[in-house]
Amino acid sequence: MTNNKMTKPTNTKTNINVESSSEIILECYKKGSQLKIRVISEGYDSELNVRFPRDLREEGALYSVETIEKTKGDYYLVKGNITKIDGDLDSFIAKNSSLDNEQHQTILTEEKASEEITISQDLRKEKNQRAEASLETTSPERLRELAHQDIKLARVVAKNITAPPDLLAELAHSQDKSTRKAVVSNPNTPKETLLELGSQFPEELLDNPIFDLLLLENPNLLAEMPPSTLKSMVKRETVPKAFLDWAVNHGNDDVLIALLRNPQLSQENLVQLTKHNNSQIVEEVKLHINWNEEIENPEEFIRQALRENNLTIPKGKDDIVSSFSGEMISSQWFYDFLSSTDDYVRSAVALNPNTPVALLEKLTTDSHYEVRSAVAWNPNTPVALLEKLATDSHYVVRRCVVENPNTPVALLEKLATDSDYDVRSCLAWNPNTPVALLEKLATDSDSEVRRRLASNPNIPVTVLEKLATDSDSEVRRDLAKNPKTPVTVLEKFATDSDEDVRRDLAKNPNTPVTVLEKFATDSHDWVRCYVASNQNTPVAVLEKLATDSDKYVRSRLASNPNTPVTALEKLATDSDSDYEVRRYVASNPNITLNIKIEVFNSLAKGTRPNLGRLAVFLSPYADVVHLAKNFRSTSWLERWAIAQNPNTPDNTLNYLVKEGNKLVRSAAELNIKQRQDGGK
């Protein structure tokens, strides 16, 4: 959204409309303790906030920008260059607009006299106040008053070495970074405040002349320092060697991991750390740039690290990892990454129709029967593997072979005599089971077998009508969801007093549309759930269910292959905390690449290293924001993955190339070189 009209700030006497100017004017003002930005050009809502860099904000300042856009969050977003208007607004407008000189001169003449007086007085007042704020003779009360007046004066007060300690402690909580930095540099700042802010400004803390005195007064100061500050300090190349030696001997595990990112560690320090009982620390030592032993095969070392890493996948994100890892992670690293996951994730990968056959063959020998069962269930598993799994010692694996739609008839006939009723039940349900076997199973003494038979889509209508009068309500439920059940029977089930029968009726693809539309507003959540998953539910009904208050309804909708892309895009950003809805979006076969990328990148959310984050950082689809935000990860594997990622910003690579970890540094150097060579 752009507008070519601008006006002067509302505190001036005359508004100036500049029809041909391409500039938009913004004003910085103070609201409470915060600095806000608003648009003062005509044609914009001055009540809306403007997203604007905090470091550029100065109370009372004016800025010109090329373009602003109104976002869905009801605020303006600045686009293009930002220029601070150093002189008066009239001169700026005269320079940048197409008003004819005579008209503009008339306006200037009307206001110039009064404005020059006001501006001169304001500048003189501001200059005097800044001088007051910097003078060591200014009273504490006056310094406090000036600090509370505006941010520019607060910055000056924060540098004044006579500022009261309690005032400096108060300014330490300012939202202005420059103010907080000045507080850390001030020798009059209380010790507790200095140490607390040291995590944000370790260099300033080290340079503060009072810091050496504090060390002399209290030799145990490093031990009493907040862990976050200590970690920030030991990573700095400028930290004194004595600090490094102390950290090696007394730092906790988190401090030592931070310390190992410092390229100034000596060989003596590193040798001492190899005796630590934390395997991660010992591993990081051997990866340090100053360690005297080279890694013979860096690629194999990384493969082994991927296989043996102790990272975990946060609850709710494992399905996204298993759904997208095969597509999103380079095949160079995928098998090594997968071997480090638990049996649940391997099972999910075995179920994924996109999993390569070569990997399925490997998983048929997995020690966990759940993984072998998943292979047996996968519709892309070759017949040769199904024949092997049909003789598996675990009944669940054999059951999954029966349920696989690609299992050949000859193999089903062999499994019809299986001693386990569960295997026979699954055979009764299988749509590929021959009619002769179905008729035989209709007289099975086990009700579970008859239930599964009632849900078989290929069962003869005569058998279905017979089962409709079965005394077992579970059998009627399965009939209600069987697509072969005649419509006349389905309509009778629509008024069944058993809510479970109604629920299963909602599953049936042949249920009349009028029934589905009625069930879409049913008070029973599970009825709406199956309306949402029914592939014959009208699109208009599906779109309405995208805003259903129940997350399980939205989850079922996300799994429906007929759900329109517009609804899937909305569900891909669902706010449910346990990723329930997004997990089902991930399994939808019709999602676009953009939706896949959106869901996959959600794995990177969170601050603790985990396999979900690592999966994103290994992907060429990784969002630049996540790469730039997490390059300080405590996991060297995550930092290495970011360093080698083709999407990592240049400024992030410039930081990682100075890493203490040799593999991280090497990956960053190679990435930079490849970009430079590609630009030739």
Foldseek 3Di string as FASTA:
>chain_A
DFAQFAFADPVDDDTDTFHPFQKWKKAWADDQQDIWIATRGPPDDRVATEDDDPQPGFHGWMKIARGWDQDPVGHIYGDHDIGTDPDHPLVVCVVGGDDDPVVSVVVCVVCVVVVVVVVVVVVVVVVVLLVLLQDLPRDLVSVLVQLSPTPVSLLNNLQHLNHAQVSLLVQCPRPHPSNVLSVLQHLNHDPVSNLVCLLVVVVSNVVRPNNVVVCVVPVCVLVVRPPSNLLSNLQDQPRDVVSLVCCLVDNDPLSLLSNLFRLPDAQVSLVSQCPDPDVQSVVSSCLFPRHPDDDPDVLVVLLQCLLAPPFAAPFLCLLLCLLCLVPFFDPSRSVSNVNNYDPVSLLSVLQHLPRDQVVLVVQCPDPDVSNVLSVLQHLPHDQVSLVVQCPDPDVSSVLSVLQRLPHDQVSLVVQCPPPDVSSVLSNLQHLRHDQVSVVVQCPDPDVSSLLSNLQRQNHDQVSVVVQCPPPDVSSLLSVLQRLNHDQVSVVVLLPDPDVSSLLSNLQHLPHDQVSLVVQCPDPDVSSVLNSLQRQNHDQVSVQVQLPPPDVSSLLSNLQRLNHDQVSLQVQLPDPDPSNSNVSSVSNHPPHDPVSSLSNLQVSLPDQADHSSVLSLLSGLSRDQVSLQVCCVYSDVSSVLSSLQHLSHDLVSLVVQCSTRRNSSVVNSVVSVVVVVVVVD
